[in-house]
Amino acid sequence: MKVVLAYSGGLDTSVILKWLKETYKAEVICFAANIGQEEELSGLRQKAIRTGASKIYIDDLREEFARDFIFPMLRAGAVYESGYLLGTSIARPLIAKRMVEIARENKADAISHGATGKGNDQVRFELTAYALKPGIQVIAPWREPRFRDQFTGRQAMMDYCAKHGIHIDVTSKKPYSMDRNLLHISYEGGILEDAWNEPTKDIFKLSVAPEDAPSKPEYVTIDFKEGDAVAVNGRKMNPLKVMETLNRLGGKHGVGRADLVENRFVGIKSRGVYETPGGTILHKAREAVEQITMDREVLHLRNSLIPKYAELVYYGFWFAPERVMLQKAMDDAAACVTGTARLKLYKGSCTIAGRKSKQSLFDPKLASFEGNVGYDQSDATGFIKLNALRLRVRARLGK
């Protein structure tokens, strides 16, 4: 049997690699997607081979990730529930897509992942795999009773790694789970499972604590063309460079931290702590340009579709026809979003300081309290009476 394993070198996938070889007598081909983990990929090739992989693919997918996944999602203004910018959610379909390609190249029988049976990632990986290769076999160790019986907790997994000489960057003092990519870092589990516990300073990697950020605010301008950021501070950039630049800027000022309890697809409430510096800046900047370029009714209709779009991404339906259909509508709405936003970064906050566009629908003379250029205020009398008609009829009936 030949299996392609989504491999990070962390606790779960290190154990699973060894376990697949022992339990399934499988040849394991590891795959690690470089989607912005940076130092986390260091030494991964050697570690995978030492742990028993026959080979490992470490593919740089950062440009594709930024261009074909992050930016389309940003054009849609996607936010899940109370402010989750979907950093983990949007990475999974890309990883699973490449896993299926590697499985085809190597004539592998199955793919495998380290997602638990309680979480969303299992759904995201597998929906993508089945959408792209309907007959693929999936091995999900956490859904197998024999795996759970053997590994009753993280300590048991750490003991297993120690027994087999597998180095892992997890200790009993720091037993939370971390997932990093170009858009964000998420932290879950362990000490964060108590929703009353405040995350400690040492958890965060992408951003300084807001109270430790510079005392002087910094301004940044972002140019947009048809909903996509194309320049930062006047310098033209591709999507990858935009993300890298804004992550550094946002992190410097403590921008983009979030602590949320969200509803997983399987029905469990889950606490997640997130750092999304660049994504937070882009989301706010795009909104600023939208405010002056997007027609009111288009904006309202688009906004009404955001919860559904975000839900589809969160649940793992990136390659589903309904997401593709919605993307076309979102892109059409975003076609007018061309202009420049100016933002102020200061001690964890990211606020709009200005916006401009040659396609602006905002007319200062029309909106001004001074004068009556292009607008007869008397017209509002009939407008109000027509809108009040049904209310007055109802009131006369004593309703």
Protein backbone atom coordinates (compact mmCIF):
# COMPACT_ATOMS: atom_id res chain seq x y z
CA MET A 1 0.00 0.00 0.00
CA LYS A 2 1.17 3.51 -0.83
CA VAL A 3 -0.10 6.54 1.13
CA VAL A 4 0.41 10.28 0.68
CA LEU A 5 0.48 11.96 4.09
CA ALA A 6 -0.08 15.66 4.74
CA TYR A 7 2.98 16.20 6.89
CA SER A 8 3.99 19.15 9.05
CA GLY A 9 6.59 17.52 11.24
CA GLY A 10 4.52 18.39 14.29
CA LEU A 11 3.35 16.03 17.00
CA ASP A 12 0.33 14.49 15.27
CA THR A 13 1.76 13.89 11.80
CA SER A 14 5.07 12.65 13.20
CA VAL A 15 3.20 9.99 15.16
CA ILE A 16 0.91 9.20 12.22
CA LEU A 17 3.82 8.67 9.83
CA LYS A 18 5.31 6.03 12.08
CA TRP A 19 1.90 4.55 12.91
CA LEU A 20 0.91 4.15 9.22
CA LYS A 21 4.07 2.18 8.58
CA GLU A 22 3.52 -0.04 11.62
CA THR A 23 -0.23 -0.57 11.28
CA TYR A 24 -0.86 -0.49 7.52
CA LYS A 25 2.60 -1.73 6.47
CA ALA A 26 2.41 1.18 4.06
CA GLU A 27 4.96 3.05 2.05
CA VAL A 28 4.42 6.64 3.17
CA ILE A 29 5.11 9.60 0.90
CA CYS A 30 5.06 12.84 2.87
CA PHE A 31 3.90 16.15 1.51
CA ALA A 32 4.53 19.53 3.11
CA ALA A 33 3.17 22.62 1.42
CA ASN A 34 5.24 25.77 1.83
CA ILE A 35 2.43 28.25 2.28
CA GLY A 36 4.31 30.63 4.55
CA GLN A 37 5.39 28.61 7.59
CA GLU A 38 8.96 29.93 7.21
CA GLU A 39 11.27 28.41 9.86
CA GLU A 40 8.81 25.58 10.56
CA LEU A 41 9.98 23.90 7.32
CA SER A 42 13.59 23.82 8.45
CA GLY A 43 14.93 20.27 8.71
CA LEU A 44 11.62 18.78 7.62
CA ARG A 45 13.04 16.63 4.83
CA GLN A 46 15.59 14.94 7.06
CA LYS A 47 13.03 14.46 9.83
CA ALA A 48 10.49 12.80 7.51
CA ILE A 49 13.07 10.39 6.09
CA ARG A 50 14.41 9.54 9.57
CA THR A 51 10.86 8.86 10.76
CA GLY A 52 10.28 6.44 7.88
CA ALA A 53 8.99 8.29 4.80
CA SER A 54 10.08 6.86 1.44
CA LYS A 55 10.19 10.40 0.04
CA ILE A 56 8.90 13.86 0.81
CA TYR A 57 7.59 16.65 -1.39
CA ILE A 58 8.12 20.17 -0.05
CA ASP A 59 6.45 22.41 -2.61
CA ASP A 60 6.53 26.20 -2.55
CA LEU A 61 2.88 27.08 -3.08
CA ARG A 62 2.99 30.58 -1.64
CA GLU A 63 2.33 32.45 -4.89
CA GLU A 64 -0.55 30.17 -5.81
CA PHE A 65 -1.93 30.41 -2.28
CA ALA A 66 -1.90 34.21 -2.30
CA ARG A 67 -3.14 34.62 -5.89
CA ASP A 68 -5.73 31.88 -6.26
CA PHE A 69 -7.01 31.38 -2.72
CA ILE A 70 -6.36 34.31 -0.37
CA PHE A 71 -7.07 37.12 -2.83
CA PRO A 72 -10.34 35.69 -4.21
CA MET A 73 -11.53 35.22 -0.63
CA LEU A 74 -10.54 38.78 0.26
CA ARG A 75 -12.42 40.11 -2.78
CA ALA A 76 -15.51 38.48 -1.29
CA GLY A 77 -15.01 40.18 2.08
CA ALA A 78 -15.27 36.81 3.79
CA VAL A 79 -15.53 36.80 7.59
CA TYR A 80 -16.85 33.83 9.56
CA GLU A 81 -19.03 34.55 12.58
CA SER A 82 -17.46 37.02 15.05
CA GLY A 83 -14.40 37.99 13.03
CA TYR A 84 -12.50 34.91 11.86
CA LEU A 85 -10.70 35.76 8.61
CA LEU A 86 -10.51 32.06 7.63
CA GLY A 87 -6.74 31.67 7.61
CA THR A 88 -6.68 27.93 8.25
CA SER A 89 -9.84 27.23 6.25
CA ILE A 90 -8.55 28.70 3.01
CA ALA A 91 -5.25 26.77 3.13
CA ARG A 92 -6.75 23.29 3.31
CA PRO A 93 -8.20 23.03 -0.22
CA LEU A 94 -4.84 24.00 -1.71
CA ILE A 95 -2.98 21.40 0.38
CA ALA A 96 -5.52 18.69 -0.46
CA LYS A 97 -5.42 19.60 -4.15
CA ARG A 98 -1.68 19.07 -4.27
CA MET A 99 -1.97 15.82 -2.27
CA VAL A 100 -4.30 14.42 -4.91
CA GLU A 101 -1.85 15.44 -7.64
CA ILE A 102 1.01 13.70 -5.82
CA ALA A 103 -1.14 10.61 -5.32
CA ARG A 104 -1.76 10.50 -9.07
CA GLU A 105 1.93 11.00 -9.89
CA ASN A 106 2.98 8.18 -7.55
CA LYS A 107 0.01 5.87 -8.18
CA ALA A 108 -0.75 5.97 -4.47
CA ASP A 109 -3.74 4.11 -3.05
CA ALA A 110 -4.70 6.65 -0.40
CA ILE A 111 -4.12 9.98 1.24
CA SER A 112 -3.91 10.56 4.99
CA HIS A 113 -4.02 13.53 7.35
CA GLY A 114 -3.69 14.34 11.01
CA ALA A 115 -7.02 16.10 11.46
CA THR A 116 -9.13 14.88 14.36
CA GLY A 117 -12.67 13.57 14.17
CA LYS A 118 -13.86 16.58 16.16
CA GLY A 119 -12.60 19.32 13.89
CA ASN A 120 -13.19 21.04 10.58
CA ASP A 121 -9.97 20.13 8.79
CA GLN A 122 -10.98 16.51 8.23
CA VAL A 123 -13.95 17.77 6.24
CA ARG A 124 -11.93 20.34 4.31
CA PHE A 125 -9.23 17.87 3.28
CA GLU A 126 -11.64 15.14 2.30
CA LEU A 127 -14.28 17.20 0.51
CA THR A 128 -11.51 18.60 -1.68
CA ALA A 129 -10.01 15.16 -2.30
CA TYR A 130 -13.34 13.61 -3.25
CA ALA A 131 -14.24 16.58 -5.47
CA LEU A 132 -10.98 16.18 -7.41
CA LYS A 133 -10.56 12.38 -7.29
CA PRO A 134 -13.86 10.68 -6.40
CA GLY A 135 -12.39 7.21 -5.89
CA ILE A 136 -9.52 8.19 -3.60
CA GLN A 137 -9.18 6.30 -0.31
CA VAL A 138 -8.76 8.40 2.82
CA ILE A 139 -7.06 7.22 6.00
CA ALA A 140 -7.96 9.39 8.98
CA PRO A 141 -6.18 7.82 12.00
CA TRP A 142 -7.99 9.95 14.57
CA ARG A 143 -11.29 8.40 13.43
CA GLU A 144 -9.96 4.87 14.00
CA PRO A 145 -10.66 3.41 17.48
CA ARG A 146 -7.34 1.55 17.53
CA PHE A 147 -5.44 4.80 17.06
CA ARG A 148 -7.42 6.58 19.78
CA ASP A 149 -7.00 3.64 22.13
CA GLN A 150 -3.25 3.80 21.67
CA PHE A 151 -3.02 7.59 21.93
CA THR A 152 -5.40 8.70 24.65
CA GLY A 153 -3.89 12.17 24.90
CA ARG A 154 -1.01 14.39 23.85
CA GLN A 155 1.21 13.04 26.60
CA ALA A 156 0.84 9.52 25.18
CA MET A 157 1.87 10.87 21.78
CA MET A 158 4.89 12.66 23.23
CA ASP A 159 5.91 9.43 24.99
CA TYR A 160 5.59 7.55 21.66
CA CYS A 161 7.85 10.08 19.96
CA ALA A 162 10.41 9.80 22.75
CA LYS A 163 10.36 6.00 22.44
CA HIS A 164 10.99 6.14 18.69
CA GLY A 165 13.51 9.00 18.78
CA ILE A 166 11.25 11.47 16.99
CA HIS A 167 12.02 15.09 17.87
CA ILE A 168 8.97 17.31 18.36
CA ASP A 169 8.62 20.97 19.31
CA VAL A 170 5.93 20.41 21.96
CA THR A 171 6.26 20.19 25.73
CA SER A 172 3.81 19.56 28.54
CA LYS A 173 4.30 23.22 29.53
CA LYS A 174 3.31 24.44 26.07
CA PRO A 175 0.78 21.90 24.82
CA TYR A 176 -1.29 23.99 22.42
CA SER A 177 -1.68 23.34 18.70
CA MET A 178 -0.38 25.91 16.21
CA ASP A 179 -1.01 26.26 12.47
CA ARG A 180 0.83 28.87 10.42
CA ASN A 181 0.56 30.10 6.86
CA LEU A 182 0.86 33.26 4.79
CA LEU A 183 -2.46 34.61 6.02
CA HIS A 184 -2.35 33.84 9.73
CA ILE A 185 -1.32 31.72 12.70
CA SER A 186 -3.95 29.90 14.73
CA TYR A 187 -3.55 28.56 18.26
CA GLU A 188 -5.92 25.98 19.74
CA GLY A 189 -6.14 23.34 22.43
CA GLY A 190 -4.17 22.72 25.58
CA ILE A 191 -3.99 25.74 27.86
CA LEU A 192 -6.40 27.61 25.56
CA GLU A 193 -9.27 25.17 26.09
CA ASP A 194 -10.30 27.09 29.20
CA ALA A 195 -12.11 30.03 27.61
CA TRP A 196 -11.39 32.16 30.70
CA ASN A 197 -7.61 31.92 30.26
CA GLU A 198 -5.99 34.90 28.58
CA PRO A 199 -3.36 33.89 26.01
CA THR A 200 0.12 34.47 27.36
CA LYS A 201 2.58 36.77 25.57
CA ASP A 202 4.89 33.93 24.60
CA ILE A 203 2.21 32.32 22.41
CA PHE A 204 2.28 34.96 19.69
CA LYS A 205 4.79 34.87 16.83
CA LEU A 206 3.64 37.28 14.11
CA SER A 207 2.84 40.36 16.18
CA VAL A 208 4.05 42.29 19.18
CA ALA A 209 1.65 42.88 22.05
CA PRO A 210 -0.30 46.08 21.33
CA GLU A 211 0.98 47.66 24.55
CA ASP A 212 4.56 47.02 23.37
CA ALA A 213 3.99 48.39 19.85
CA PRO A 214 5.59 51.70 18.78
CA SER A 215 4.18 54.80 20.45
CA LYS A 216 4.10 56.60 17.11
CA PRO A 217 1.40 55.62 14.59
CA GLU A 218 2.36 54.55 11.08
CA TYR A 219 0.36 55.25 7.94
CA VAL A 220 0.16 52.87 5.01
CA THR A 221 -1.50 53.31 1.61
CA ILE A 222 -2.83 50.39 -0.41
CA ASP A 223 -3.87 50.63 -4.06
CA PHE A 224 -6.64 48.38 -5.33
CA LYS A 225 -7.61 47.32 -8.82
CA GLU A 226 -10.90 45.45 -9.24
CA GLY A 227 -10.86 44.32 -5.62
CA ASP A 228 -7.22 43.19 -5.48
CA ALA A 229 -4.40 45.00 -3.71
CA VAL A 230 -1.76 45.83 -6.32
CA ALA A 231 0.55 48.27 -4.48
CA VAL A 232 1.64 49.17 -0.95
CA ASN A 233 2.91 52.68 -0.24
CA GLY A 234 3.04 53.28 -3.99
CA ARG A 235 5.18 50.22 -4.77
CA LYS A 236 3.61 47.73 -7.18
CA MET A 237 3.54 44.21 -5.78
CA ASN A 238 2.17 40.77 -6.62
CA PRO A 239 -0.23 39.12 -4.13
CA LEU A 240 2.55 37.24 -2.32
CA LYS A 241 4.62 40.37 -1.80
CA VAL A 242 1.56 42.29 -0.63
CA MET A 243 0.90 39.66 2.04
CA GLU A 244 4.51 39.52 3.20
CA THR A 245 4.82 43.30 3.37
CA LEU A 246 1.59 43.85 5.27
CA ASN A 247 2.27 40.98 7.65
CA ARG A 248 5.48 42.71 8.69
CA LEU A 249 3.83 46.11 9.03
CA GLY A 250 0.82 44.79 10.91
CA GLY A 251 2.94 42.62 13.18
CA LYS A 252 5.15 45.58 14.07
CA HIS A 253 2.08 47.44 15.37
CA GLY A 254 0.28 44.51 17.02
CA VAL A 255 -2.52 44.49 14.43
CA GLY A 256 -4.70 41.47 13.71
CA ARG A 257 -5.03 39.54 16.96
CA ALA A 258 -8.35 37.82 17.66
CA ASP A 259 -9.64 35.53 20.39
CA LEU A 260 -12.83 33.76 19.30
CA VAL A 261 -15.14 30.93 20.26
CA GLU A 262 -16.55 29.69 16.97
CA ASN A 263 -18.95 27.00 15.84
CA ARG A 264 -17.27 24.12 14.05
CA PHE A 265 -19.01 22.35 11.17
CA VAL A 266 -19.43 19.19 13.27
CA GLY A 267 -21.39 21.14 15.90
CA ILE A 268 -18.76 21.72 18.58
CA LYS A 269 -17.88 25.17 19.89
CA SER A 270 -14.14 25.77 19.71
CA ARG A 271 -11.87 28.50 21.07
CA GLY A 272 -9.24 29.81 18.68
CA VAL A 273 -6.64 32.53 19.09
CA TYR A 274 -5.48 34.08 15.83
CA GLU A 275 -2.90 36.46 14.40
CA THR A 276 -3.84 37.86 10.98
CA PRO A 277 -1.88 41.11 10.59
CA GLY A 278 -1.73 41.48 6.80
CA GLY A 279 -5.21 40.07 6.23
CA THR A 280 -6.71 42.46 8.76
CA ILE A 281 -5.12 45.47 7.05
CA LEU A 282 -6.27 44.30 3.60
CA HIS A 283 -9.80 43.62 4.78
CA LYS A 284 -10.10 47.09 6.29
CA ALA A 285 -8.46 48.77 3.28
CA ARG A 286 -10.72 47.06 0.78
CA GLU A 287 -13.78 48.12 2.77
CA ALA A 288 -12.56 51.72 2.66
CA VAL A 289 -12.39 51.74 -1.14
CA GLU A 290 -15.70 49.86 -1.42
CA GLN A 291 -17.43 52.57 0.57
CA ILE A 292 -16.87 55.12 -2.19
CA THR A 293 -16.97 52.92 -5.31
CA MET A 294 -19.67 50.30 -4.81
CA ASP A 295 -23.34 50.99 -5.52
CA ARG A 296 -25.54 50.84 -2.43
CA GLU A 297 -27.78 48.00 -3.57
CA VAL A 298 -24.86 45.95 -4.91
CA LEU A 299 -23.04 46.46 -1.60
CA HIS A 300 -26.06 45.42 0.45
CA LEU A 301 -26.74 42.36 -1.70
CA ARG A 302 -23.06 41.37 -1.67
CA ASN A 303 -22.95 41.80 2.12
CA SER A 304 -25.99 39.56 2.51
CA LEU A 305 -24.07 36.79 0.69
CA ILE A 306 -20.89 37.06 2.75
CA PRO A 307 -22.07 34.80 5.61
CA LYS A 308 -22.92 32.02 3.14
CA TYR A 309 -19.65 32.43 1.24
CA ALA A 310 -17.63 32.42 4.48
CA GLU A 311 -19.53 29.36 5.68
CA LEU A 312 -18.70 27.48 2.48
CA VAL A 313 -14.99 28.27 2.90
CA TYR A 314 -15.05 27.39 6.60
CA TYR A 315 -16.85 24.09 5.99
CA GLY A 316 -14.52 23.06 3.16
CA PHE A 317 -16.64 23.53 0.05
CA TRP A 318 -14.05 25.52 -1.92
CA PHE A 319 -14.37 23.27 -4.97
CA ALA A 320 -18.16 22.99 -4.72
CA PRO A 321 -20.26 24.50 -7.53
CA GLU A 322 -22.10 26.85 -5.18
CA ARG A 323 -18.82 28.46 -4.01
CA VAL A 324 -17.68 28.82 -7.61
CA MET A 325 -21.01 30.42 -8.49
CA LEU A 326 -20.84 32.80 -5.53
CA GLN A 327 -17.25 33.70 -6.40
CA LYS A 328 -18.38 34.95 -9.79
CA ALA A 329 -20.95 37.19 -8.12
CA MET A 330 -18.41 38.45 -5.58
CA ASP A 331 -15.86 39.18 -8.31
CA ASP A 332 -18.44 41.02 -10.37
CA ALA A 333 -19.34 43.15 -7.35
CA ALA A 334 -15.65 43.82 -6.66
CA ALA A 335 -14.94 44.91 -10.24
CA CYS A 336 -15.60 48.54 -9.25
CA VAL A 337 -13.22 48.46 -6.26
CA THR A 338 -10.37 50.44 -7.75
CA GLY A 339 -8.73 53.18 -5.72
CA THR A 340 -6.48 53.86 -2.75
CA ALA A 341 -7.00 53.43 0.99
CA ARG A 342 -4.90 55.08 3.69
CA LEU A 343 -4.78 53.33 7.05
CA LYS A 344 -3.39 54.25 10.44
CA LEU A 345 -1.66 51.48 12.40
CA TYR A 346 -1.31 52.13 16.11
CA LYS A 347 -0.99 49.81 19.10
CA GLY A 348 -3.18 47.00 17.79
CA SER A 349 -5.64 49.15 15.89
CA CYS A 350 -6.05 49.53 12.15
CA THR A 351 -8.28 52.46 11.27
CA ILE A 352 -9.25 54.12 8.01
CA ALA A 353 -7.52 57.48 7.58
CA GLY A 354 -8.62 58.19 4.02
CA ARG A 355 -9.77 56.78 0.71
CA LYS A 356 -9.87 58.03 -2.87
CA SER A 357 -10.81 56.74 -6.31
CA LYS A 358 -11.33 58.08 -9.82
CA GLN A 359 -14.46 55.91 -9.79
CA SER A 360 -15.76 57.39 -6.54
CA LEU A 361 -19.52 57.69 -6.17
CA PHE A 362 -19.02 60.00 -3.21
CA ASP A 363 -19.83 63.58 -4.19
CA PRO A 364 -18.79 66.05 -1.46
CA LYS A 365 -21.00 68.77 -2.92
CA LEU A 366 -24.02 66.50 -2.95
CA ALA A 367 -23.44 65.24 0.57
CA SER A 368 -22.50 68.60 2.07
CA PHE A 369 -24.69 70.41 4.58
CA GLU A 370 -23.77 73.58 2.73
CA GLY A 371 -25.76 74.50 -0.37
CA ASN A 372 -28.19 72.49 -2.48
CA VAL A 373 -26.13 71.57 -5.55
CA GLY A 374 -27.80 68.71 -7.44
CA TYR A 375 -30.36 68.01 -4.74
CA ASP A 376 -33.68 69.63 -3.87
CA GLN A 377 -34.37 69.00 -0.19
CA SER A 378 -38.07 69.59 -0.79
CA ASP A 379 -38.17 66.31 -2.72
CA ALA A 380 -37.65 64.43 0.55
CA THR A 381 -41.17 65.36 1.71
CA GLY A 382 -42.87 63.15 -0.85
CA PHE A 383 -40.22 60.45 -0.42
CA ILE A 384 -40.89 60.24 3.30
CA LYS A 385 -44.69 60.34 2.91
CA LEU A 386 -44.65 57.51 0.37
CA ASN A 387 -42.49 55.38 2.65
CA ALA A 388 -44.71 56.21 5.60
CA LEU A 389 -47.99 55.40 3.80
CA ARG A 390 -48.33 51.81 5.01
CA LEU A 391 -47.36 52.85 8.55
CA ARG A 392 -50.05 55.54 8.60
CA VAL A 393 -52.70 53.16 7.24
CA ARG A 394 -51.80 50.64 9.92
CA ALA A 395 -51.87 53.28 12.65
CA ARG A 396 -55.39 54.43 11.60
CA LEU A 397 -56.58 50.84 12.09
CA GLY A 398 -55.23 50.90 15.62
CA LYS A 399 -52.56 48.31 14.91
